[in-house]
Amino acid sequence: MYPRPTTDHPAAAEFQPIVLCGPGSALLPITATTPKALLPVAGKPQLHYALQWLDASPLVRDTLVIACASSADQITAYLRTLDPTRRPELVSVDDKLGPAAALRKAHALGKMRAKLHPIVMAVDAVPSDPLASLLDAFKLHSAAALALLFPAAADNSDHLVGLAPLPVLPTGSSPALSLVHRLVLSSPLAGVGKHANFPVRLDMVREFPSVRLAKLVDAHLYIMRNWVADVLVGERPDLDTALEGLAAKVAAATSLQHDLMPWIIRAQFSPAAHALC
């Protein structure tokens, strides 16, 4: 599906992939004996496609697979069948840990590389575009983080988001980059009723007078700067002061979608945070 680089991963690799393999509780009873990550799709486990998609980029190294303790043995057995030179390392976490807490566990074990930018994805969040397209967008716009969102049927959407236009792209840029927008607000649809008030920041309106609202679904794939990961694991107290205690809340968060991303949206309007990042 995605061709491997013809050379080994260079020493100048910039990103560390982290694949989250949750328990798949929503798929019971299918996942009662087979972990979600190992469920077959076209004859291969889901984890195969996630690793193949990531491994196609020469800019990644030190891939981690974070698995629930209940499925760690089965996933470890699968990883042992892979090419030893490209085999990811597995970190086992408690089944009840959310994604943010699982990343903090990996950090506490010394598995997250401080100088690399994390690519965090759910095992089933493999997009059709190659990873190179997302990395191009991330670097071209000097983003603090990039989240993959996609449209869905109205009854399946879970978020109302505000999208602001980005600078005009250079001639000859990838068509996929035209779909990239700046995320300036995000609210769960459950909290936006038919007659409910929708909070809009005044500083957002001043900076982005043209914002398009859309109902989208979070694909649970995030590329973030290493300093954002530092906030998540509680290593940026200087930002906590600049953001009036909000960074400390992120360091105790459980969800990337509901806790980390709203913090990044708010931080982009803070001059004090900009000066420290």
C-alpha atoms as a PDB file:
ATOM      1  CA  MET A   1       0.000   0.000   0.000  1.00  0.00           C
ATOM      2  CA  TYR A   2       2.734   2.460   0.999  1.00  0.00           C
ATOM      3  CA  PRO A   3       6.273   1.791  -0.316  1.00  0.00           C
ATOM      4  CA  ARG A   4       9.043   1.534   2.230  1.00  0.00           C
ATOM      5  CA  PRO A   5      11.967   3.944   1.988  1.00  0.00           C
ATOM      6  CA  THR A   6      14.889   2.405   0.127  1.00  0.00           C
ATOM      7  CA  THR A   7      17.318   3.494   2.858  1.00  0.00           C
ATOM      8  CA  ASP A   8      17.408   2.923   6.576  1.00  0.00           C
ATOM      9  CA  HIS A   9      15.843   5.516   8.863  1.00  0.00           C
ATOM     10  CA  PRO A  10      18.273   8.454   8.964  1.00  0.00           C
ATOM     11  CA  ALA A  11      19.833   9.809  12.137  1.00  0.00           C
ATOM     12  CA  ALA A  12      17.961  13.061  11.403  1.00  0.00           C
ATOM     13  CA  ALA A  13      14.538  11.464  11.910  1.00  0.00           C
ATOM     14  CA  GLU A  14      12.178  13.992  13.485  1.00  0.00           C
ATOM     15  CA  PHE A  15       9.156  11.994  14.617  1.00  0.00           C
ATOM     16  CA  GLN A  16       8.343   9.111  16.955  1.00  0.00           C
ATOM     17  CA  PRO A  17       5.201   7.116  16.094  1.00  0.00           C
ATOM     18  CA  ILE A  18       3.084   5.871  18.982  1.00  0.00           C
ATOM     19  CA  VAL A  19       0.278   3.428  18.156  1.00  0.00           C
ATOM     20  CA  LEU A  20      -2.455   3.098  20.782  1.00  0.00           C
ATOM     21  CA  CYS A  21      -4.024  -0.363  20.938  1.00  0.00           C
ATOM     22  CA  GLY A  22      -7.084  -0.080  23.143  1.00  0.00           C
ATOM     23  CA  PRO A  23      -9.161  -2.959  24.495  1.00  0.00           C
ATOM     24  CA  GLY A  24     -11.853  -2.649  21.797  1.00  0.00           C
ATOM     25  CA  SER A  25     -14.687  -2.806  24.305  1.00  0.00           C
ATOM     26  CA  ALA A  26     -17.121  -1.383  21.758  1.00  0.00           C
ATOM     27  CA  LEU A  27     -16.521  -4.423  19.531  1.00  0.00           C
ATOM     28  CA  LEU A  28     -17.432  -7.080  22.090  1.00  0.00           C
ATOM     29  CA  PRO A  29     -17.970 -10.011  21.775  1.00  0.00           C
ATOM     30  CA  ILE A  30     -15.639  -9.982  18.733  1.00  0.00           C
ATOM     31  CA  THR A  31     -12.724  -8.770  20.867  1.00  0.00           C
ATOM     32  CA  ALA A  32     -13.361 -11.194  23.721  1.00  0.00           C
ATOM     33  CA  THR A  33     -10.576 -13.485  22.478  1.00  0.00           C
ATOM     34  CA  THR A  34      -8.805 -11.407  19.813  1.00  0.00           C
ATOM     35  CA  PRO A  35      -7.566  -7.876  20.581  1.00  0.00           C
ATOM     36  CA  LYS A  36      -8.869  -5.094  18.370  1.00  0.00           C
ATOM     37  CA  ALA A  37      -5.334  -4.483  17.051  1.00  0.00           C
ATOM     38  CA  LEU A  38      -5.151  -8.055  15.770  1.00  0.00           C
ATOM     39  CA  LEU A  39      -8.601  -8.275  14.173  1.00  0.00           C
ATOM     40  CA  PRO A  40      -8.072  -9.266  10.535  1.00  0.00           C
ATOM     41  CA  VAL A  41      -8.755  -6.871   7.666  1.00  0.00           C
ATOM     42  CA  ALA A  42      -8.165  -8.408   4.214  1.00  0.00           C
ATOM     43  CA  GLY A  43      -6.227 -11.211   5.845  1.00  0.00           C
ATOM     44  CA  LYS A  44      -3.898  -9.054   7.945  1.00  0.00           C
ATOM     45  CA  PRO A  45      -4.278  -7.610  11.474  1.00  0.00           C
ATOM     46  CA  GLN A  46      -5.196  -3.938  11.830  1.00  0.00           C
ATOM     47  CA  LEU A  47      -1.857  -3.281  13.491  1.00  0.00           C
ATOM     48  CA  HIS A  48      -0.096  -4.373  10.294  1.00  0.00           C
ATOM     49  CA  TYR A  49      -1.630  -1.506   8.331  1.00  0.00           C
ATOM     50  CA  ALA A  50      -0.835   1.108  10.991  1.00  0.00           C
ATOM     51  CA  LEU A  51       2.821   0.044  11.139  1.00  0.00           C
ATOM     52  CA  GLN A  52       3.084  -0.175   7.347  1.00  0.00           C
ATOM     53  CA  TRP A  53       1.667   3.347   6.975  1.00  0.00           C
ATOM     54  CA  LEU A  54       4.124   4.746   9.515  1.00  0.00           C
ATOM     55  CA  ASP A  55       7.128   2.808   8.255  1.00  0.00           C
ATOM     56  CA  ALA A  56       6.777   4.296   4.778  1.00  0.00           C
ATOM     57  CA  SER A  57       8.278   7.570   6.035  1.00  0.00           C
ATOM     58  CA  PRO A  58      12.048   7.928   6.498  1.00  0.00           C
ATOM     59  CA  LEU A  59      11.418  10.677   9.074  1.00  0.00           C
ATOM     60  CA  VAL A  60      10.264   8.334  11.849  1.00  0.00           C
ATOM     61  CA  ARG A  61      12.089   6.062  14.291  1.00  0.00           C
ATOM     62  CA  ASP A  62      11.702   4.335  17.663  1.00  0.00           C
ATOM     63  CA  THR A  63       8.078   3.353  17.059  1.00  0.00           C
ATOM     64  CA  LEU A  64       6.104   2.461  20.184  1.00  0.00           C
ATOM     65  CA  VAL A  65       3.043   0.273  20.462  1.00  0.00           C
ATOM     66  CA  ILE A  66       1.078   0.944  23.652  1.00  0.00           C
ATOM     67  CA  ALA A  67      -1.196  -1.995  24.441  1.00  0.00           C
ATOM     68  CA  CYS A  68      -3.607  -2.846  27.227  1.00  0.00           C
ATOM     69  CA  ALA A  69      -2.248  -5.384  29.691  1.00  0.00           C
ATOM     70  CA  SER A  70      -5.039  -7.824  28.822  1.00  0.00           C
ATOM     71  CA  SER A  71      -3.855  -8.040  25.195  1.00  0.00           C
ATOM     72  CA  ALA A  72      -0.125  -7.329  25.590  1.00  0.00           C
ATOM     73  CA  ASP A  73       0.954 -10.985  25.319  1.00  0.00           C
ATOM     74  CA  GLN A  74      -0.942 -11.576  22.071  1.00  0.00           C
ATOM     75  CA  ILE A  75       0.327  -8.341  20.507  1.00  0.00           C
ATOM     76  CA  THR A  76       3.885  -9.098  21.642  1.00  0.00           C
ATOM     77  CA  ALA A  77       3.657 -12.476  19.924  1.00  0.00           C
ATOM     78  CA  TYR A  78       2.595 -10.760  16.699  1.00  0.00           C
ATOM     79  CA  LEU A  79       5.388  -8.164  16.900  1.00  0.00           C
ATOM     80  CA  ARG A  80       7.939 -10.969  17.208  1.00  0.00           C
ATOM     81  CA  THR A  81       6.993 -12.112  13.717  1.00  0.00           C
ATOM     82  CA  LEU A  82       8.105  -8.788  12.210  1.00  0.00           C
ATOM     83  CA  ASP A  83      11.460  -7.761  10.766  1.00  0.00           C
ATOM     84  CA  PRO A  84      13.716  -7.300  13.840  1.00  0.00           C
ATOM     85  CA  THR A  85      15.318  -4.182  12.339  1.00  0.00           C
ATOM     86  CA  ARG A  86      11.951  -2.430  12.184  1.00  0.00           C
ATOM     87  CA  ARG A  87      10.144  -4.088  15.081  1.00  0.00           C
ATOM     88  CA  PRO A  88       8.432  -1.552  17.392  1.00  0.00           C
ATOM     89  CA  GLU A  89       8.762  -1.689  21.144  1.00  0.00           C
ATOM     90  CA  LEU A  90       5.685  -2.543  23.201  1.00  0.00           C
ATOM     91  CA  VAL A  91       4.593  -0.769  26.373  1.00  0.00           C
ATOM     92  CA  SER A  92       1.911  -2.468  28.456  1.00  0.00           C
ATOM     93  CA  VAL A  93      -0.536  -0.297  30.407  1.00  0.00           C
ATOM     94  CA  ASP A  94      -3.582  -0.854  32.553  1.00  0.00           C
ATOM     95  CA  ASP A  95      -6.744  -1.478  30.516  1.00  0.00           C
ATOM     96  CA  LYS A  96      -8.522   1.429  32.212  1.00  0.00           C
ATOM     97  CA  LEU A  97      -5.962   4.101  31.297  1.00  0.00           C
ATOM     98  CA  GLY A  98      -7.043   6.700  28.777  1.00  0.00           C
ATOM     99  CA  PRO A  99      -4.765   7.758  25.901  1.00  0.00           C
ATOM    100  CA  ALA A 100      -3.216  10.701  27.757  1.00  0.00           C
ATOM    101  CA  ALA A 101      -2.473   8.624  30.847  1.00  0.00           C
ATOM    102  CA  ALA A 102      -1.033   5.861  28.662  1.00  0.00           C
ATOM    103  CA  LEU A 103       1.392   8.372  27.119  1.00  0.00           C
ATOM    104  CA  ARG A 104       2.422   9.535  30.591  1.00  0.00           C
ATOM    105  CA  LYS A 105       3.132   5.911  31.509  1.00  0.00           C
ATOM    106  CA  ALA A 106       5.323   5.491  28.417  1.00  0.00           C
ATOM    107  CA  HIS A 107       7.148   8.706  29.309  1.00  0.00           C
ATOM    108  CA  ALA A 108       7.684   7.573  32.908  1.00  0.00           C
ATOM    109  CA  LEU A 109       9.284   4.399  31.542  1.00  0.00           C
ATOM    110  CA  GLY A 110      11.661   6.475  29.422  1.00  0.00           C
ATOM    111  CA  LYS A 111      10.176   5.306  26.118  1.00  0.00           C
ATOM    112  CA  MET A 112       9.228   8.699  24.654  1.00  0.00           C
ATOM    113  CA  ARG A 113      12.107  10.451  22.905  1.00  0.00           C
ATOM    114  CA  ALA A 114      12.375  14.045  24.137  1.00  0.00           C
ATOM    115  CA  LYS A 115      13.841  15.411  20.895  1.00  0.00           C
ATOM    116  CA  LEU A 116      11.299  13.762  18.594  1.00  0.00           C
ATOM    117  CA  HIS A 117       7.801  15.006  17.804  1.00  0.00           C
ATOM    118  CA  PRO A 118       5.176  12.338  18.640  1.00  0.00           C
ATOM    119  CA  ILE A 119       2.783  10.935  16.055  1.00  0.00           C
ATOM    120  CA  VAL A 120      -0.001   9.471  18.186  1.00  0.00           C
ATOM    121  CA  MET A 121      -2.635   7.348  16.492  1.00  0.00           C
ATOM    122  CA  ALA A 122      -5.285   4.800  17.299  1.00  0.00           C
ATOM    123  CA  VAL A 123      -4.534   1.442  15.709  1.00  0.00           C
ATOM    124  CA  ASP A 124      -7.522   1.765  13.353  1.00  0.00           C
ATOM    125  CA  ALA A 125      -6.838   5.386  12.327  1.00  0.00           C
ATOM    126  CA  VAL A 126      -4.987   4.756   9.067  1.00  0.00           C
ATOM    127  CA  PRO A 127      -5.855   7.469   6.513  1.00  0.00           C
ATOM    128  CA  SER A 128      -5.812   7.059   2.750  1.00  0.00           C
ATOM    129  CA  ASP A 129      -3.195   9.793   2.280  1.00  0.00           C
ATOM    130  CA  PRO A 130       0.425   8.863   3.008  1.00  0.00           C
ATOM    131  CA  LEU A 131       2.060  10.064   6.206  1.00  0.00           C
ATOM    132  CA  ALA A 132       4.307  12.353   4.141  1.00  0.00           C
ATOM    133  CA  SER A 133       1.277  14.538   3.284  1.00  0.00           C
ATOM    134  CA  LEU A 134       0.449  15.098   6.941  1.00  0.00           C
ATOM    135  CA  LEU A 135       4.057  15.765   7.872  1.00  0.00           C
ATOM    136  CA  ASP A 136       4.304  18.298   5.025  1.00  0.00           C
ATOM    137  CA  ALA A 137       1.276  20.162   6.388  1.00  0.00           C
ATOM    138  CA  PHE A 138       2.598  20.009   9.946  1.00  0.00           C
ATOM    139  CA  LYS A 139       5.964  21.484   8.958  1.00  0.00           C
ATOM    140  CA  LEU A 140       4.765  23.915   6.305  1.00  0.00           C
ATOM    141  CA  HIS A 141       2.438  25.674   8.754  1.00  0.00           C
ATOM    142  CA  SER A 142       4.740  25.323  11.808  1.00  0.00           C
ATOM    143  CA  ALA A 143       1.807  23.799  13.683  1.00  0.00           C
ATOM    144  CA  ALA A 144       1.855  23.091  17.405  1.00  0.00           C
ATOM    145  CA  ALA A 145      -0.280  20.063  16.596  1.00  0.00           C
ATOM    146  CA  LEU A 146      -2.131  18.524  13.683  1.00  0.00           C
ATOM    147  CA  ALA A 147      -5.342  16.547  14.175  1.00  0.00           C
ATOM    148  CA  LEU A 148      -7.047  14.479  11.500  1.00  0.00           C
ATOM    149  CA  LEU A 149     -10.790  15.159  11.296  1.00  0.00           C
ATOM    150  CA  PHE A 150     -13.219  13.831   8.742  1.00  0.00           C
ATOM    151  CA  PRO A 151     -16.846  14.462   7.732  1.00  0.00           C
ATOM    152  CA  ALA A 152     -19.510  11.928   8.542  1.00  0.00           C
ATOM    153  CA  ALA A 153     -23.249  11.573   8.602  1.00  0.00           C
ATOM    154  CA  ALA A 154     -24.863  14.175  10.848  1.00  0.00           C
ATOM    155  CA  ASP A 155     -25.903  11.592  13.425  1.00  0.00           C
ATOM    156  CA  ASN A 156     -22.328  10.219  13.617  1.00  0.00           C
ATOM    157  CA  SER A 157     -20.493  13.533  14.033  1.00  0.00           C
ATOM    158  CA  ASP A 158     -19.278  14.205  17.553  1.00  0.00           C
ATOM    159  CA  HIS A 159     -17.800  17.714  17.378  1.00  0.00           C
ATOM    160  CA  LEU A 160     -18.636  21.171  16.105  1.00  0.00           C
ATOM    161  CA  VAL A 161     -15.403  22.854  15.088  1.00  0.00           C
ATOM    162  CA  GLY A 162     -14.374  26.238  13.777  1.00  0.00           C
ATOM    163  CA  LEU A 163     -11.979  26.248  10.815  1.00  0.00           C
ATOM    164  CA  ALA A 164     -10.035  29.342   9.771  1.00  0.00           C
ATOM    165  CA  PRO A 165      -8.193  29.690   6.446  1.00  0.00           C
ATOM    166  CA  LEU A 166      -4.422  29.303   6.337  1.00  0.00           C
ATOM    167  CA  PRO A 167      -1.961  31.278   4.186  1.00  0.00           C
ATOM    168  CA  VAL A 168      -2.035  30.656   0.445  1.00  0.00           C
ATOM    169  CA  LEU A 169       0.043  27.598  -0.447  1.00  0.00           C
ATOM    170  CA  PRO A 170       3.059  27.719  -2.755  1.00  0.00           C
ATOM    171  CA  THR A 171       2.451  26.776  -6.390  1.00  0.00           C
ATOM    172  CA  GLY A 172       2.819  23.041  -6.936  1.00  0.00           C
ATOM    173  CA  SER A 173       1.892  22.056  -3.365  1.00  0.00           C
ATOM    174  CA  SER A 174       0.212  18.723  -2.738  1.00  0.00           C
ATOM    175  CA  PRO A 175      -3.585  18.850  -3.303  1.00  0.00           C
ATOM    176  CA  ALA A 176      -4.028  17.300   0.157  1.00  0.00           C
ATOM    177  CA  LEU A 177      -2.639  20.492   1.723  1.00  0.00           C
ATOM    178  CA  SER A 178      -5.642  22.444   0.424  1.00  0.00           C
ATOM    179  CA  LEU A 179      -7.791  20.522   2.915  1.00  0.00           C
ATOM    180  CA  VAL A 180      -5.754  21.735   5.905  1.00  0.00           C
ATOM    181  CA  HIS A 181      -7.282  24.482   8.076  1.00  0.00           C
ATOM    182  CA  ARG A 182      -6.488  26.155  11.344  1.00  0.00           C
ATOM    183  CA  LEU A 183      -8.598  24.802  14.186  1.00  0.00           C
ATOM    184  CA  VAL A 184      -9.774  27.777  16.256  1.00  0.00           C
ATOM    185  CA  LEU A 185     -12.622  26.298  18.287  1.00  0.00           C
ATOM    186  CA  SER A 186     -14.009  22.905  19.176  1.00  0.00           C
ATOM    187  CA  SER A 187     -17.057  21.895  21.153  1.00  0.00           C
ATOM    188  CA  PRO A 188     -18.712  18.494  21.709  1.00  0.00           C
ATOM    189  CA  LEU A 189     -22.049  18.395  19.909  1.00  0.00           C
ATOM    190  CA  ALA A 190     -23.602  16.979  23.065  1.00  0.00           C
ATOM    191  CA  GLY A 191     -23.100  20.397  24.665  1.00  0.00           C
ATOM    192  CA  VAL A 192     -24.516  22.393  21.745  1.00  0.00           C
ATOM    193  CA  GLY A 193     -28.265  22.014  21.857  1.00  0.00           C
ATOM    194  CA  LYS A 194     -30.754  23.519  19.432  1.00  0.00           C
ATOM    195  CA  HIS A 195     -31.182  26.653  21.551  1.00  0.00           C
ATOM    196  CA  ALA A 196     -27.938  26.489  23.548  1.00  0.00           C
ATOM    197  CA  ASN A 197     -25.418  29.324  23.639  1.00  0.00           C
ATOM    198  CA  PHE A 198     -22.213  28.605  21.751  1.00  0.00           C
ATOM    199  CA  PRO A 199     -19.146  30.220  23.376  1.00  0.00           C
ATOM    200  CA  VAL A 200     -16.902  32.173  21.004  1.00  0.00           C
ATOM    201  CA  ARG A 201     -13.693  33.821  22.171  1.00  0.00           C
ATOM    202  CA  LEU A 202     -13.398  37.545  21.397  1.00  0.00           C
ATOM    203  CA  ASP A 203      -9.671  37.224  20.667  1.00  0.00           C
ATOM    204  CA  MET A 204     -10.517  34.512  18.119  1.00  0.00           C
ATOM    205  CA  VAL A 205     -12.982  36.792  16.326  1.00  0.00           C
ATOM    206  CA  ARG A 206     -10.407  39.580  16.215  1.00  0.00           C
ATOM    207  CA  GLU A 207      -7.704  37.384  14.717  1.00  0.00           C
ATOM    208  CA  PHE A 208      -9.952  35.231  12.500  1.00  0.00           C
ATOM    209  CA  PRO A 209     -12.998  37.187  11.309  1.00  0.00           C
ATOM    210  CA  SER A 210     -13.826  34.441   8.802  1.00  0.00           C
ATOM    211  CA  VAL A 211     -14.472  31.073  10.461  1.00  0.00           C
ATOM    212  CA  ARG A 212     -16.344  28.142   8.955  1.00  0.00           C
ATOM    213  CA  LEU A 213     -18.299  25.894  11.318  1.00  0.00           C
ATOM    214  CA  ALA A 214     -18.411  22.182  10.527  1.00  0.00           C
ATOM    215  CA  LYS A 215     -19.565  18.954  12.140  1.00  0.00           C
ATOM    216  CA  LEU A 216     -16.663  16.521  12.039  1.00  0.00           C
ATOM    217  CA  VAL A 217     -15.417  13.305  13.612  1.00  0.00           C
ATOM    218  CA  ASP A 218     -12.031  13.027  15.295  1.00  0.00           C
ATOM    219  CA  ALA A 219      -9.968  10.238  13.683  1.00  0.00           C
ATOM    220  CA  HIS A 220      -7.719   9.970  16.768  1.00  0.00           C
ATOM    221  CA  LEU A 221      -4.533  10.724  14.875  1.00  0.00           C
ATOM    222  CA  TYR A 222      -2.391  13.577  16.174  1.00  0.00           C
ATOM    223  CA  ILE A 223       1.031  14.945  15.274  1.00  0.00           C
ATOM    224  CA  MET A 224       2.353  17.247  17.980  1.00  0.00           C
ATOM    225  CA  ARG A 225       5.452  19.236  18.833  1.00  0.00           C
ATOM    226  CA  ASN A 226       7.626  17.735  21.535  1.00  0.00           C
ATOM    227  CA  TRP A 227       6.887  20.716  23.790  1.00  0.00           C
ATOM    228  CA  VAL A 228       3.167  19.855  23.598  1.00  0.00           C
ATOM    229  CA  ALA A 229       4.013  16.338  24.766  1.00  0.00           C
ATOM    230  CA  ASP A 230       6.043  17.924  27.569  1.00  0.00           C
ATOM    231  CA  VAL A 231       2.916  19.759  28.745  1.00  0.00           C
ATOM    232  CA  LEU A 232       0.942  16.516  28.647  1.00  0.00           C
ATOM    233  CA  VAL A 233       3.438  14.749  30.926  1.00  0.00           C
ATOM    234  CA  GLY A 234       3.726  17.730  33.303  1.00  0.00           C
ATOM    235  CA  GLU A 235       7.145  19.057  32.334  1.00  0.00           C
ATOM    236  CA  ARG A 236       6.213  22.637  31.375  1.00  0.00           C
ATOM    237  CA  PRO A 237       5.265  24.489  34.588  1.00  0.00           C
ATOM    238  CA  ASP A 238       6.318  27.756  32.914  1.00  0.00           C
ATOM    239  CA  LEU A 239       3.414  27.397  30.496  1.00  0.00           C
ATOM    240  CA  ASP A 240       1.055  26.714  33.386  1.00  0.00           C
ATOM    241  CA  THR A 241       1.729  30.187  34.760  1.00  0.00           C
ATOM    242  CA  ALA A 242       1.280  31.788  31.332  1.00  0.00           C
ATOM    243  CA  LEU A 243      -2.070  30.050  30.836  1.00  0.00           C
ATOM    244  CA  GLU A 244      -3.460  30.623  34.307  1.00  0.00           C
ATOM    245  CA  GLY A 245      -3.276  27.028  35.504  1.00  0.00           C
ATOM    246  CA  LEU A 246      -4.643  25.406  32.361  1.00  0.00           C
ATOM    247  CA  ALA A 247      -1.445  23.467  31.600  1.00  0.00           C
ATOM    248  CA  ALA A 248      -1.670  21.727  34.983  1.00  0.00           C
ATOM    249  CA  LYS A 249      -5.141  20.510  34.052  1.00  0.00           C
ATOM    250  CA  VAL A 250      -3.771  19.108  30.782  1.00  0.00           C
ATOM    251  CA  ALA A 251      -1.034  17.290  32.720  1.00  0.00           C
ATOM    252  CA  ALA A 252      -3.824  15.489  34.610  1.00  0.00           C
ATOM    253  CA  ALA A 253      -5.999  14.916  31.534  1.00  0.00           C
ATOM    254  CA  THR A 254      -7.179  11.541  30.274  1.00  0.00           C
ATOM    255  CA  SER A 255      -8.297  12.433  26.732  1.00  0.00           C
ATOM    256  CA  LEU A 256      -6.308  13.891  23.846  1.00  0.00           C
ATOM    257  CA  GLN A 257      -9.473  14.863  21.992  1.00  0.00           C
ATOM    258  CA  HIS A 258     -11.383  16.469  24.866  1.00  0.00           C
ATOM    259  CA  ASP A 259      -8.521  17.809  27.015  1.00  0.00           C
ATOM    260  CA  LEU A 260      -5.301  18.293  25.050  1.00  0.00           C
ATOM    261  CA  MET A 261      -6.683  19.692  21.778  1.00  0.00           C
ATOM    262  CA  PRO A 262      -8.903  22.347  23.471  1.00  0.00           C
ATOM    263  CA  TRP A 263      -5.831  23.439  25.461  1.00  0.00           C
ATOM    264  CA  ILE A 264      -3.815  23.898  22.255  1.00  0.00           C
ATOM    265  CA  ILE A 265      -6.675  25.886  20.722  1.00  0.00           C
ATOM    266  CA  ARG A 266      -6.693  28.202  23.711  1.00  0.00           C
ATOM    267  CA  ALA A 267      -2.902  28.457  23.860  1.00  0.00           C
ATOM    268  CA  GLN A 268      -2.689  29.802  20.306  1.00  0.00           C
ATOM    269  CA  PHE A 269      -4.405  32.983  21.496  1.00  0.00           C
ATOM    270  CA  SER A 270      -1.988  33.521  24.408  1.00  0.00           C
ATOM    271  CA  PRO A 271       0.981  35.840  23.661  1.00  0.00           C
ATOM    272  CA  ALA A 272       2.628  34.618  26.878  1.00  0.00           C
ATOM    273  CA  ALA A 273       2.423  31.017  25.698  1.00  0.00           C
ATOM    274  CA  HIS A 274       3.814  31.948  22.269  1.00  0.00           C
ATOM    275  CA  ALA A 275       6.848  33.527  23.919  1.00  0.00           C
ATOM    276  CA  LEU A 276       7.621  30.315  25.804  1.00  0.00           C
ATOM    277  CA  CYS A 277       7.103  27.753  23.013  1.00  0.00           C
END
